[in-house]
Amino acid sequence: MANKTFLAYDEQIEKLEKEKQLVISDPEFAKITLQKLSYFSLIGGYKDLFKHKPSGNYLHGVTFEEITAFYYFDEELRTLFLSSHTTNVKRLNLQSSIK
């Protein structure tokens, strides 16, 4: 695996816009979001869904805000799933202990 140089948040945003063709309408929102979530969690985690594989660029018109919204949707979905799963496991454990 190649060593990657850490880029400042403004440099990350510039790279996403200029090199990867990601639409970023609010750079300040993007910077705050990258600080909060990290580049790897947000961009690395969802790049395959929104990128044109041969070019490595984002599909035309894909926005930073859409990727962020997808991240939060996915996080909420995981939380709901794990909560439901945990409840079912507790219920099964309770049923097992009653028998």
Protein backbone atom coordinates (compact mmCIF):
# COMPACT_ATOMS: atom_id res chain seq x y z
CA MET A 1 0.00 0.00 0.00
CA ALA A 2 1.38 3.38 -0.96
CA ASN A 3 2.09 5.95 1.70
CA LYS A 4 -0.35 8.81 1.53
CA THR A 5 0.53 12.29 2.64
CA PHE A 6 -1.89 13.96 5.03
CA LEU A 7 -3.60 16.91 3.41
CA ALA A 8 -5.03 19.85 5.34
CA TYR A 9 -8.83 20.07 5.18
CA ASP A 10 -8.74 22.87 2.59
CA GLU A 11 -6.38 20.74 0.46
CA GLN A 12 -8.70 17.74 0.78
CA ILE A 13 -11.60 19.86 -0.43
CA GLU A 14 -9.56 21.23 -3.32
CA LYS A 15 -8.49 17.72 -4.34
CA LEU A 16 -12.08 16.47 -4.24
CA GLU A 17 -13.28 19.36 -6.39
CA LYS A 18 -10.45 19.66 -8.90
CA GLU A 19 -9.04 16.16 -9.20
CA LYS A 20 -12.11 14.04 -8.42
CA GLN A 21 -14.82 16.33 -9.87
CA LEU A 22 -16.97 16.27 -6.70
CA VAL A 23 -19.37 19.20 -6.48
CA ILE A 24 -18.86 21.12 -3.23
CA SER A 25 -21.26 24.05 -2.96
CA ASP A 26 -20.36 24.97 0.62
CA PRO A 27 -16.64 24.54 1.36
CA GLU A 28 -17.08 25.57 5.00
CA PHE A 29 -19.70 22.85 5.53
CA ALA A 30 -17.34 20.39 3.83
CA LYS A 31 -14.46 21.40 6.07
CA ILE A 32 -16.52 21.06 9.26
CA THR A 33 -17.86 17.70 8.10
CA LEU A 34 -14.40 16.37 7.26
CA GLN A 35 -13.14 17.50 10.66
CA LYS A 36 -16.04 15.73 12.37
CA LEU A 37 -16.22 12.50 10.35
CA SER A 38 -12.77 12.21 8.73
CA TYR A 39 -11.95 11.90 5.06
CA PHE A 40 -11.56 8.13 5.24
CA SER A 41 -14.93 7.51 6.93
CA LEU A 42 -16.87 9.76 4.60
CA ILE A 43 -15.08 9.69 1.26
CA GLY A 44 -13.32 6.34 1.54
CA GLY A 45 -16.41 4.61 2.83
CA TYR A 46 -18.74 5.63 0.02
CA LYS A 47 -16.56 6.33 -2.98
CA ASP A 48 -17.48 3.16 -4.88
CA LEU A 49 -21.16 4.08 -4.93
CA PHE A 50 -20.62 7.47 -6.52
CA LYS A 51 -17.54 7.09 -8.72
CA HIS A 52 -16.96 6.26 -12.34
CA LYS A 53 -14.55 3.35 -11.93
CA PRO A 54 -12.45 3.78 -15.10
CA SER A 55 -11.71 7.48 -14.51
CA GLY A 56 -11.69 7.48 -10.72
CA ASN A 57 -13.77 10.67 -10.77
CA TYR A 58 -17.18 11.16 -9.26
CA LEU A 59 -20.19 10.72 -11.49
CA HIS A 60 -21.33 13.98 -13.04
CA GLY A 61 -23.24 16.14 -10.58
CA VAL A 62 -22.54 14.13 -7.40
CA THR A 63 -22.28 16.51 -4.47
CA PHE A 64 -20.47 16.45 -1.16
CA GLU A 65 -23.82 17.07 0.50
CA GLU A 66 -25.30 13.93 -1.10
CA ILE A 67 -22.43 11.80 0.14
CA THR A 68 -22.81 13.32 3.61
CA ALA A 69 -26.56 12.66 3.61
CA PHE A 70 -25.92 9.07 2.54
CA TYR A 71 -23.38 8.68 5.36
CA TYR A 72 -25.91 9.82 7.98
CA PHE A 73 -28.68 7.68 6.45
CA ASP A 74 -26.40 4.64 6.57
CA GLU A 75 -25.40 5.43 10.15
CA GLU A 76 -29.06 5.68 11.20
CA LEU A 77 -29.91 2.45 9.40
CA ARG A 78 -27.04 0.62 11.14
CA THR A 79 -28.19 2.00 14.49
CA LEU A 80 -31.76 0.82 13.90
CA PHE A 81 -30.60 -2.60 12.77
CA LEU A 82 -28.26 -3.09 15.73
CA SER A 83 -30.92 -1.87 18.16
CA SER A 84 -33.44 -4.33 16.73
CA HIS A 85 -30.88 -7.12 16.72
CA THR A 86 -29.92 -6.43 20.33
CA THR A 87 -33.58 -6.48 21.39
CA ASN A 88 -34.11 -9.82 19.65
CA VAL A 89 -31.02 -11.33 21.30
CA LYS A 90 -32.21 -10.17 24.72
CA ARG A 91 -35.65 -11.62 24.03
CA LEU A 92 -34.14 -14.97 23.00
CA ASN A 93 -31.93 -15.03 26.10
CA LEU A 94 -34.94 -14.30 28.29
CA GLN A 95 -36.96 -17.05 26.63
CA SER A 96 -34.07 -19.51 27.09
CA SER A 97 -33.75 -18.70 30.77
CA ILE A 98 -37.50 -19.19 31.36
CA LYS A 99 -37.49 -22.72 29.92
